[in-house]
């Protein structure tokens, strides 16, 4: 390995004579009158200056932190005031996401205990930014020494260098799934608002691990419960297929390999009218949110690709009037969204996750100074990410829906609704929280 490659927490580009010449040319003032800021001295520590860490327009979430830094978390801006909120409301979902919870997850031991640092007074949200912090306590940065010099195949090591010219080596930095703690924390807040205000329930479960596929007719999306999903370590609501999935993960885990899978997510009691035509269609927002999660490689909505094998007469969801006088659809191949707008039926989607990139088997790769080499990655990694991805998918779906709910309220609920065509967004029996004076 080249001796000039630093193994500090953040790595800059390897120094070469050509590279030094290019840096020198960048430090020279440009022609004419345009003046650029002076480049930071090479002797100072590099830091990643990354964008893309914020999601949402009305309910805005920014995540922060890295896998082996001091901690991770999020800042939520735009949360409505007077919502009862405590760490316990968030901790349950963080426990479902945390490492070390079973033999089929990474053995890293983290309690992922959260602390709300701002935005709460007397147990209620104040309308100001909410900061949620989770410390990193089980760090093993030395496990990543080899990976500071060589790129892990199919990981973000190389592309981070291609983009920034510098990266956080230990644990993958921002590309680590540990970043999703902030998403799950914010998603827990979003889920509480959706449930309390509109009766909306977001549930996800594992429907495929490697070549073990859960048949769709074995799970009733209208009645499946969180307890059924959480009854086993793989988070599949069908016990028979759960055992098959666990066996599939165990088979590759003992060989130092990994497998992928699919998470199915459903949303019940969705208010009608969420989403917008054209560019901001609800399923497009859901796709973006889901595909922003680490290791995602595919997204299907409603009938998905299977719908391409059907004719229009077979695929169309015919309307009918139910016993309560509401317009409903007899089938739900649209997945609860038509024309980019929710129709009140159950939303359903599937998110595909690739096999975990970091494995403990020998692989061919190249070094940062562009030499062929072999790599056996050390560290602690999930043999299959999908069991822990379940609360992550729920969180991202909830963040989309709360942002769209607030947008719908802002645009279409300022004036009295048209009761012949529209419905109130809130649950009619919702009890108002008693805020202490």
Protein backbone atom coordinates (compact mmCIF):
# COMPACT_ATOMS: atom_id res chain seq x y z
CA UNK A 1 0.00 0.00 0.00
CA UNK A 2 1.17 3.54 -0.67
CA UNK A 3 2.67 5.10 2.44
CA UNK A 4 1.27 8.53 1.66
CA UNK A 5 -2.33 7.41 2.29
CA UNK A 6 -3.53 8.84 5.58
CA UNK A 7 -5.66 6.68 7.89
CA UNK A 8 -7.12 9.61 9.81
CA UNK A 9 -10.86 9.80 10.40
CA UNK A 10 -11.29 11.90 7.26
CA UNK A 11 -9.19 11.17 4.21
CA UNK A 12 -8.10 13.58 1.54
CA UNK A 13 -6.89 12.66 -1.92
CA UNK A 14 -3.48 10.94 -2.20
CA UNK A 15 -0.78 13.52 -2.82
CA UNK A 16 0.94 13.35 -6.19
CA UNK A 17 3.04 15.80 -8.14
CA UNK A 18 0.26 16.16 -10.72
CA UNK A 19 -2.28 16.60 -7.98
CA UNK A 20 -0.09 19.23 -6.28
CA UNK A 21 0.17 21.13 -9.54
CA UNK A 22 -3.58 21.10 -9.98
CA UNK A 23 -4.06 22.33 -6.39
CA UNK A 24 -1.55 25.11 -7.00
CA UNK A 25 -3.40 26.20 -10.12
CA UNK A 26 -6.67 26.28 -8.17
CA UNK A 27 -5.09 28.56 -5.57
CA UNK A 28 -4.12 31.11 -8.21
CA UNK A 29 -6.59 34.01 -8.64
CA UNK A 30 -8.87 33.54 -11.67
CA UNK A 31 -8.67 35.99 -14.57
CA UNK A 32 -10.65 39.25 -14.77
CA UNK A 33 -12.27 40.58 -11.59
CA UNK A 34 -13.86 37.40 -10.20
CA UNK A 35 -12.31 36.47 -6.85
CA UNK A 36 -12.88 33.05 -5.27
CA UNK A 37 -12.34 32.30 -1.56
CA UNK A 38 -8.85 31.07 -0.79
CA UNK A 39 -8.59 27.28 -0.59
CA UNK A 40 -8.25 25.92 2.94
CA UNK A 41 -4.72 25.08 3.92
CA UNK A 42 -3.77 21.47 3.24
CA UNK A 43 -2.38 21.21 6.76
CA UNK A 44 -5.82 21.59 8.30
CA UNK A 45 -8.12 18.66 8.89
CA UNK A 46 -10.50 17.83 6.04
CA UNK A 47 -14.22 17.81 6.69
CA UNK A 48 -17.05 16.59 4.47
CA UNK A 49 -19.17 19.44 3.12
CA UNK A 50 -22.19 17.44 1.96
CA UNK A 51 -25.66 18.57 0.93
CA UNK A 52 -28.81 16.50 0.68
CA UNK A 53 -29.27 15.90 4.41
CA UNK A 54 -32.69 17.57 4.70
CA UNK A 55 -36.10 16.25 3.63
CA UNK A 56 -39.52 17.91 3.57
CA UNK A 57 -41.10 21.31 2.92
CA UNK A 58 -43.43 21.85 5.88
CA UNK A 59 -42.24 19.11 8.22
CA UNK A 60 -38.50 19.47 7.60
CA UNK A 61 -36.04 16.86 8.86
CA UNK A 62 -32.26 17.20 8.86
CA UNK A 63 -30.16 14.25 9.99
CA UNK A 64 -26.63 14.59 11.31
CA UNK A 65 -23.72 12.48 12.51
CA UNK A 66 -21.65 9.56 11.29
CA UNK A 67 -21.27 5.90 12.10
CA UNK A 68 -18.22 6.23 14.35
CA UNK A 69 -18.44 9.87 15.37
CA UNK A 70 -19.68 11.18 18.68
CA UNK A 71 -23.31 10.52 17.85
CA UNK A 72 -26.17 10.79 15.38
CA UNK A 73 -29.63 12.30 15.35
CA UNK A 74 -31.97 14.75 13.70
CA UNK A 75 -33.47 18.22 13.85
CA UNK A 76 -37.19 18.43 13.08
CA UNK A 77 -38.45 21.87 12.07
CA UNK A 78 -42.13 22.57 11.51
CA UNK A 79 -43.60 20.11 13.99
CA UNK A 80 -47.00 21.43 15.12
CA UNK A 81 -47.09 22.82 18.67
CA UNK A 82 -49.04 21.28 21.56
CA UNK A 83 -48.32 17.66 20.57
CA UNK A 84 -47.64 15.48 23.64
CA UNK A 85 -44.15 14.08 23.04
CA UNK A 86 -41.47 12.31 25.07
CA UNK A 87 -38.40 10.16 24.48
CA UNK A 88 -40.59 7.08 25.01
CA UNK A 89 -42.60 7.97 21.90
CA UNK A 90 -39.41 7.73 19.86
CA UNK A 91 -37.48 4.99 21.66
CA UNK A 92 -39.78 2.14 20.58
CA UNK A 93 -38.95 2.58 16.89
CA UNK A 94 -35.26 3.11 17.64
CA UNK A 95 -35.24 -0.21 19.51
CA UNK A 96 -36.66 -1.90 16.41
CA UNK A 97 -33.87 -0.36 14.31
CA UNK A 98 -30.93 -0.78 16.69
CA UNK A 99 -28.05 -3.21 16.04
CA UNK A 100 -27.33 -6.28 18.12
CA UNK A 101 -30.97 -7.27 18.60
CA UNK A 102 -30.64 -10.83 17.24
CA UNK A 103 -28.22 -13.27 15.63
CA UNK A 104 -29.32 -12.20 12.13
CA UNK A 105 -28.29 -8.56 12.66
CA UNK A 106 -24.94 -6.87 13.16
CA UNK A 107 -23.42 -7.72 16.57
CA UNK A 108 -22.55 -4.09 17.27
CA UNK A 109 -23.89 -3.29 20.74
CA UNK A 110 -25.67 0.05 20.92
CA UNK A 111 -28.63 0.90 23.14
CA UNK A 112 -29.48 3.82 20.83
CA UNK A 113 -31.00 5.68 23.75
CA UNK A 114 -32.37 8.99 22.54
CA UNK A 115 -32.51 12.38 24.19
CA UNK A 116 -34.75 15.27 23.14
CA UNK A 117 -32.53 18.33 23.47
CA UNK A 118 -34.92 21.07 22.35
CA UNK A 119 -38.44 21.88 21.19
CA UNK A 120 -40.29 20.44 24.21
CA UNK A 121 -41.78 22.20 27.23
CA UNK A 122 -43.79 20.46 29.97
CA UNK A 123 -44.14 17.38 27.76
CA UNK A 124 -45.56 19.22 24.73
CA UNK A 125 -43.98 20.40 21.48
CA UNK A 126 -43.54 24.16 21.33
CA UNK A 127 -43.43 24.62 17.56
CA UNK A 128 -39.69 25.32 17.65
CA UNK A 129 -37.06 22.92 16.19
CA UNK A 130 -36.86 19.55 17.93
CA UNK A 131 -33.39 18.09 18.27
CA UNK A 132 -33.07 14.36 18.98
CA UNK A 133 -29.62 13.02 19.88
CA UNK A 134 -28.31 9.44 20.11
CA UNK A 135 -24.70 8.84 21.23
CA UNK A 136 -22.37 6.30 19.63
CA UNK A 137 -20.99 4.11 22.42
CA UNK A 138 -19.58 0.97 20.75
CA UNK A 139 -17.09 2.35 18.26
CA UNK A 140 -14.31 0.28 16.71
CA UNK A 141 -12.65 2.57 14.24
CA UNK A 142 -9.62 0.30 13.88
CA UNK A 143 -11.81 -2.27 12.13
CA UNK A 144 -11.75 0.01 9.10
CA UNK A 145 -7.98 0.42 8.62
CA UNK A 146 -7.87 -1.74 5.48
CA UNK A 147 -10.92 0.04 4.08
CA UNK A 148 -9.17 3.38 4.38
CA UNK A 149 -6.76 2.14 1.73
CA UNK A 150 -8.99 -0.03 -0.49
CA UNK A 151 -12.53 0.41 -1.80
CA UNK A 152 -15.22 -2.04 -0.71
CA UNK A 153 -17.00 -3.41 -3.80
CA UNK A 154 -20.52 -1.99 -4.31
CA UNK A 155 -20.12 0.32 -1.31
CA UNK A 156 -20.08 4.13 -1.33
CA UNK A 157 -16.33 4.37 -0.62
CA UNK A 158 -15.31 5.05 -4.20
CA UNK A 159 -18.21 7.31 -5.18
CA UNK A 160 -17.73 9.51 -2.10
CA UNK A 161 -14.13 10.00 -3.18
CA UNK A 162 -15.24 10.67 -6.77
CA UNK A 163 -17.65 13.36 -5.58
CA UNK A 164 -15.94 15.02 -2.62
CA UNK A 165 -12.27 14.04 -2.90
CA UNK A 166 -12.45 13.22 0.81
CA UNK A 167 -14.48 10.84 2.94
CA UNK A 168 -15.14 9.55 6.42
CA UNK A 169 -13.60 6.09 6.52
CA UNK A 170 -14.72 4.61 9.82
CA UNK A 171 -17.98 2.74 9.32
CA UNK A 172 -18.71 4.46 6.04
CA UNK A 173 -19.55 7.83 7.59
CA UNK A 174 -22.79 9.26 6.20
CA UNK A 175 -23.25 6.26 3.88
CA UNK A 176 -23.65 4.01 6.93
CA UNK A 177 -27.14 2.84 7.88
CA UNK A 178 -26.44 4.38 11.28
CA UNK A 179 -27.45 7.70 9.70
CA UNK A 180 -31.02 6.37 9.58
CA UNK A 181 -31.37 6.77 13.36
CA UNK A 182 -32.28 10.40 12.70
CA UNK A 183 -34.85 9.36 10.11
CA UNK A 184 -36.46 6.81 12.42
CA UNK A 185 -36.60 9.29 15.30
CA UNK A 186 -38.27 11.92 13.11
CA UNK A 187 -40.54 9.27 11.60
CA UNK A 188 -41.76 8.28 15.06
CA UNK A 189 -42.88 11.87 15.63
CA UNK A 190 -44.57 11.94 12.23
CA UNK A 191 -46.36 8.66 12.91
CA UNK A 192 -47.71 9.98 16.20
CA UNK A 193 -49.12 13.10 14.51
CA UNK A 194 -50.68 11.04 11.69
CA UNK A 195 -52.27 8.61 14.14
CA UNK A 196 -53.58 11.26 16.52
CA UNK A 197 -54.83 13.69 13.88
CA UNK A 198 -56.08 11.46 11.06
CA UNK A 199 -56.07 7.91 12.45
CA UNK A 200 -53.43 6.97 9.88
CA UNK A 201 -51.37 3.85 10.60
CA UNK A 202 -48.06 3.01 8.89
CA UNK A 203 -46.88 -0.61 9.05
CA UNK A 204 -44.07 -2.42 7.25
CA UNK A 205 -42.95 -6.04 7.25
CA UNK A 206 -40.46 -8.34 5.50
CA UNK A 207 -42.03 -10.10 2.51
CA UNK A 208 -38.91 -11.60 0.93
CA UNK A 209 -35.44 -12.73 1.98
CA UNK A 210 -33.23 -13.92 -0.88
CA UNK A 211 -35.32 -16.58 -2.68
CA UNK A 212 -37.88 -17.01 0.12
CA UNK A 213 -40.95 -15.06 -1.03
CA UNK A 214 -44.01 -14.59 1.17
CA UNK A 215 -47.17 -15.21 -0.93
CA UNK A 216 -49.39 -12.14 -0.95
CA UNK A 217 -52.52 -14.06 0.04
CA UNK A 218 -50.98 -15.08 3.38
CA UNK A 219 -51.10 -11.55 4.81
CA UNK A 220 -54.25 -9.45 5.06
CA UNK A 221 -53.08 -5.84 4.81
CA UNK A 222 -56.34 -4.65 6.38
CA UNK A 223 -55.90 -6.67 9.58
CA UNK A 224 -52.16 -7.36 10.04
CA UNK A 225 -50.86 -5.97 13.34
CA UNK A 226 -47.59 -4.69 14.72
CA UNK A 227 -47.55 -7.54 17.25
CA UNK A 228 -47.72 -10.09 14.43
CA UNK A 229 -44.84 -8.38 12.62
CA UNK A 230 -42.72 -8.13 15.77
CA UNK A 231 -43.38 -11.74 16.84
CA UNK A 232 -40.13 -12.97 15.26
CA UNK A 233 -36.63 -11.65 14.61
CA UNK A 234 -37.04 -11.33 10.83
CA UNK A 235 -40.29 -9.27 11.12
CA UNK A 236 -42.39 -11.42 8.82
CA UNK A 237 -46.02 -11.70 10.03
CA UNK A 238 -46.33 -15.31 8.83
CA UNK A 239 -44.56 -17.70 11.27
CA UNK A 240 -43.93 -20.44 8.68
CA UNK A 241 -42.23 -18.15 6.19
CA UNK A 242 -40.45 -16.29 8.97
CA UNK A 243 -38.60 -19.50 9.86
CA UNK A 244 -37.66 -20.04 6.22
CA UNK A 245 -36.32 -16.49 5.98
CA UNK A 246 -34.28 -16.85 9.18
CA UNK A 247 -32.78 -20.08 7.86
CA UNK A 248 -31.84 -18.35 4.59
CA UNK A 249 -30.03 -15.59 6.50
CA UNK A 250 -28.27 -18.07 8.80
CA UNK A 251 -27.02 -20.04 5.79
CA UNK A 252 -25.07 -17.06 4.39
CA UNK A 253 -24.16 -15.55 7.77
CA UNK A 254 -21.96 -18.48 8.74
CA UNK A 255 -20.17 -18.22 5.37
CA UNK A 256 -19.38 -14.53 5.80
CA UNK A 257 -21.76 -13.60 2.99
CA UNK A 258 -25.00 -11.63 2.74
CA UNK A 259 -28.43 -11.62 1.07
CA UNK A 260 -31.04 -9.01 0.19
CA UNK A 261 -34.80 -8.91 0.37
CA UNK A 262 -38.02 -6.90 0.15
CA UNK A 263 -39.92 -4.81 2.69
CA UNK A 264 -43.65 -4.31 2.11
CA UNK A 265 -45.21 -1.17 3.59
CA UNK A 266 -48.92 -0.44 3.99
CA UNK A 267 -50.71 2.69 5.16
CA UNK A 268 -54.26 2.44 6.48
CA UNK A 269 -56.79 5.23 7.03
CA UNK A 270 -55.08 7.64 4.67
CA UNK A 271 -56.83 11.01 4.24
CA UNK A 272 -58.08 11.62 0.74
CA UNK A 273 -56.47 14.34 -1.33
CA UNK A 274 -52.81 14.00 -0.30
CA UNK A 275 -50.31 14.58 -3.08
CA UNK A 276 -50.30 16.84 -6.12
CA UNK A 277 -50.54 16.39 -9.90
CA UNK A 278 -47.55 16.36 -12.24
CA UNK A 279 -44.13 16.54 -10.53
CA UNK A 280 -45.14 16.13 -6.88
CA UNK A 281 -47.32 13.04 -7.18
CA UNK A 282 -47.66 11.16 -3.92
CA UNK A 283 -46.20 7.91 -5.25
CA UNK A 284 -43.25 9.86 -6.70
CA UNK A 285 -42.54 11.39 -3.29
CA UNK A 286 -42.81 7.98 -1.65
CA UNK A 287 -40.45 6.49 -4.22
CA UNK A 288 -37.86 9.21 -3.63
CA UNK A 289 -38.09 8.82 0.15
CA UNK A 290 -37.85 5.04 0.06
CA UNK A 291 -35.00 5.01 -2.45
CA UNK A 292 -33.02 7.47 -0.30
CA UNK A 293 -32.54 4.69 2.28
CA UNK A 294 -29.20 2.84 2.22
CA UNK A 295 -29.05 -0.37 0.14
CA UNK A 296 -32.32 0.24 -1.73
CA UNK A 297 -32.41 -0.95 -5.33
CA UNK A 298 -36.06 -1.12 -6.33
CA UNK A 299 -39.51 0.33 -5.66
CA UNK A 300 -42.92 -1.03 -6.62
CA UNK A 301 -46.25 0.63 -5.97
CA UNK A 302 -49.71 -0.94 -6.08
CA UNK A 303 -49.78 -3.59 -8.82
CA UNK A 304 -46.22 -2.62 -9.72
CA UNK A 305 -44.56 -4.48 -12.57
CA UNK A 306 -47.17 -7.26 -12.37
CA UNK A 307 -49.71 -4.76 -13.67
CA UNK A 308 -47.91 -4.66 -17.01
CA UNK A 309 -49.18 -8.17 -17.73
CA UNK A 310 -52.83 -7.09 -17.35
CA UNK A 311 -55.28 -5.37 -19.66
CA UNK A 312 -57.03 -2.13 -18.74
CA UNK A 313 -60.28 -3.94 -18.01
CA UNK A 314 -58.43 -6.30 -15.68
CA UNK A 315 -56.39 -3.60 -13.96
CA UNK A 316 -58.89 -0.77 -13.46
CA UNK A 317 -60.26 -0.28 -9.94
CA UNK A 318 -64.01 0.08 -10.35
CA UNK A 319 -65.84 2.50 -8.05
CA UNK A 320 -68.84 1.72 -5.84
CA UNK A 321 -70.77 3.29 -2.95
CA UNK A 322 -70.21 1.67 0.43
CA UNK A 323 -72.69 1.38 3.31
CA UNK A 324 -71.57 4.72 4.75
CA UNK A 325 -72.20 6.51 1.46
CA UNK A 326 -68.51 6.89 0.62
CA UNK A 327 -67.03 6.41 -2.83
CA UNK A 328 -64.70 3.40 -2.70
CA UNK A 329 -62.90 1.09 -5.12
CA UNK A 330 -63.72 -2.63 -5.42
CA UNK A 331 -60.05 -3.50 -5.96
CA UNK A 332 -56.87 -1.63 -5.08
CA UNK A 333 -54.42 -2.21 -7.90
CA UNK A 334 -53.75 1.55 -7.88
CA UNK A 335 -52.25 1.14 -4.41
CA UNK A 336 -54.41 3.85 -2.85
CA UNK A 337 -53.20 6.61 -5.18
CA UNK A 338 -54.67 7.76 -8.49
CA UNK A 339 -53.37 10.69 -10.51
CA UNK A 340 -50.75 11.26 -7.83
CA UNK A 341 -53.43 11.89 -5.16
CA UNK A 342 -54.55 9.57 -2.36
CA UNK A 343 -58.06 8.14 -2.80
CA UNK A 344 -58.57 6.90 0.76
CA UNK A 345 -57.82 3.23 0.08
CA UNK A 346 -54.91 1.46 1.73
CA UNK A 347 -51.57 2.56 0.30
CA UNK A 348 -49.18 -0.31 -0.40
CA UNK A 349 -45.66 -0.46 -1.75
CA UNK A 350 -42.61 -2.72 -1.83
CA UNK A 351 -38.98 -1.69 -1.41
CA UNK A 352 -36.11 -3.92 -2.58
CA UNK A 353 -32.84 -4.01 -0.63
CA UNK A 354 -29.62 -5.39 -2.07
CA UNK A 355 -27.32 -7.80 -0.19
CA UNK A 356 -25.13 -6.00 2.34
CA UNK A 357 -22.02 -4.73 0.53
CA UNK A 358 -19.53 -5.25 3.35
CA UNK A 359 -18.83 -8.96 3.70
CA UNK A 360 -16.00 -10.93 5.28
CA UNK A 361 -15.16 -12.93 2.16
CA UNK A 362 -12.14 -12.13 -0.03
CA UNK A 363 -12.97 -9.81 -2.93
CA UNK A 364 -11.00 -8.12 -5.71
CA UNK A 365 -10.82 -4.34 -5.60
CA UNK A 366 -8.44 -1.40 -6.04
CA UNK A 367 -6.65 0.89 -3.63
CA UNK A 368 -7.19 4.63 -3.38
CA UNK A 369 -3.88 5.11 -5.20
CA UNK A 370 -5.21 2.94 -8.07
CA UNK A 371 -3.55 -0.46 -7.62
CA UNK A 372 -5.26 -3.84 -7.87
CA UNK A 373 -5.56 -5.63 -4.55
CA UNK A 374 -7.67 -8.05 -2.51
CA UNK A 375 -9.81 -7.13 0.48
CA UNK A 376 -11.32 -9.04 3.38
CA UNK A 377 -13.48 -6.51 5.17
CA UNK A 378 -13.50 -6.48 8.95
CA UNK A 379 -16.11 -4.90 11.18
CA UNK A 380 -19.63 -5.81 12.25
CA UNK A 381 -22.29 -5.90 9.57
CA UNK A 382 -25.78 -7.25 8.94
CA UNK A 383 -25.92 -10.45 6.87
CA UNK A 384 -29.30 -9.13 5.66
CA UNK A 385 -30.50 -5.57 6.15
CA UNK A 386 -34.24 -6.08 5.69
CA UNK A 387 -35.25 -6.98 9.30
CA UNK A 388 -33.82 -3.68 10.58
CA UNK A 389 -34.99 -1.80 7.48
CA UNK A 390 -38.65 -2.26 8.45
CA UNK A 391 -38.80 0.76 10.83
CA UNK A 392 -36.68 2.76 8.39
CA UNK A 393 -39.23 2.29 5.60
CA UNK A 394 -42.06 3.15 7.97
CA UNK A 395 -40.24 6.33 8.98
CA UNK A 396 -39.67 7.57 5.43
CA UNK A 397 -43.28 6.85 4.44
CA UNK A 398 -44.52 8.71 7.52
CA UNK A 399 -42.31 11.72 6.74
CA UNK A 400 -43.77 11.93 3.24
CA UNK A 401 -47.35 11.66 4.48
CA UNK A 402 -47.04 14.24 7.28
CA UNK A 403 -45.43 16.70 4.87
CA UNK A 404 -48.23 16.11 2.35
CA UNK A 405 -50.90 16.35 5.07
CA UNK A 406 -49.60 19.76 6.13
CA UNK A 407 -49.41 20.87 2.49
CA UNK A 408 -53.01 19.78 1.89
CA UNK A 409 -54.18 21.63 4.99
CA UNK A 410 -52.32 24.76 3.96
CA UNK A 411 -53.64 24.83 0.38
CA UNK A 412 -57.10 23.27 0.46
CA UNK A 413 -58.45 23.70 4.00
CA UNK A 414 -58.21 27.47 4.53
CA UNK A 415 -61.81 27.91 3.40
CA UNK A 416 -64.82 25.69 4.13
CA UNK A 417 -64.59 22.41 2.24
CA UNK A 418 -67.08 21.26 -0.38
CA UNK A 419 -68.89 18.56 1.67
CA UNK A 420 -70.37 17.00 -1.46
CA UNK A 421 -66.89 16.07 -2.71
CA UNK A 422 -64.37 16.54 0.10
CA UNK A 423 -63.89 15.03 3.56
CA UNK A 424 -62.28 16.55 6.66
CA UNK A 425 -58.64 15.56 7.13
CA UNK A 426 -58.86 14.94 10.87
CA UNK A 427 -60.46 12.03 12.72
CA UNK A 428 -63.98 13.20 13.77
CA UNK A 429 -63.63 11.66 17.25
CA UNK A 430 -60.13 13.01 17.86
CA UNK A 431 -59.84 14.38 21.41
CA UNK A 432 -57.98 17.64 21.73
CA UNK A 433 -54.88 17.46 23.89
CA UNK A 434 -55.16 19.24 27.20
CA UNK A 435 -52.27 21.68 27.30
CA UNK A 436 -51.39 23.01 30.76
CA UNK A 437 -51.74 26.77 31.07
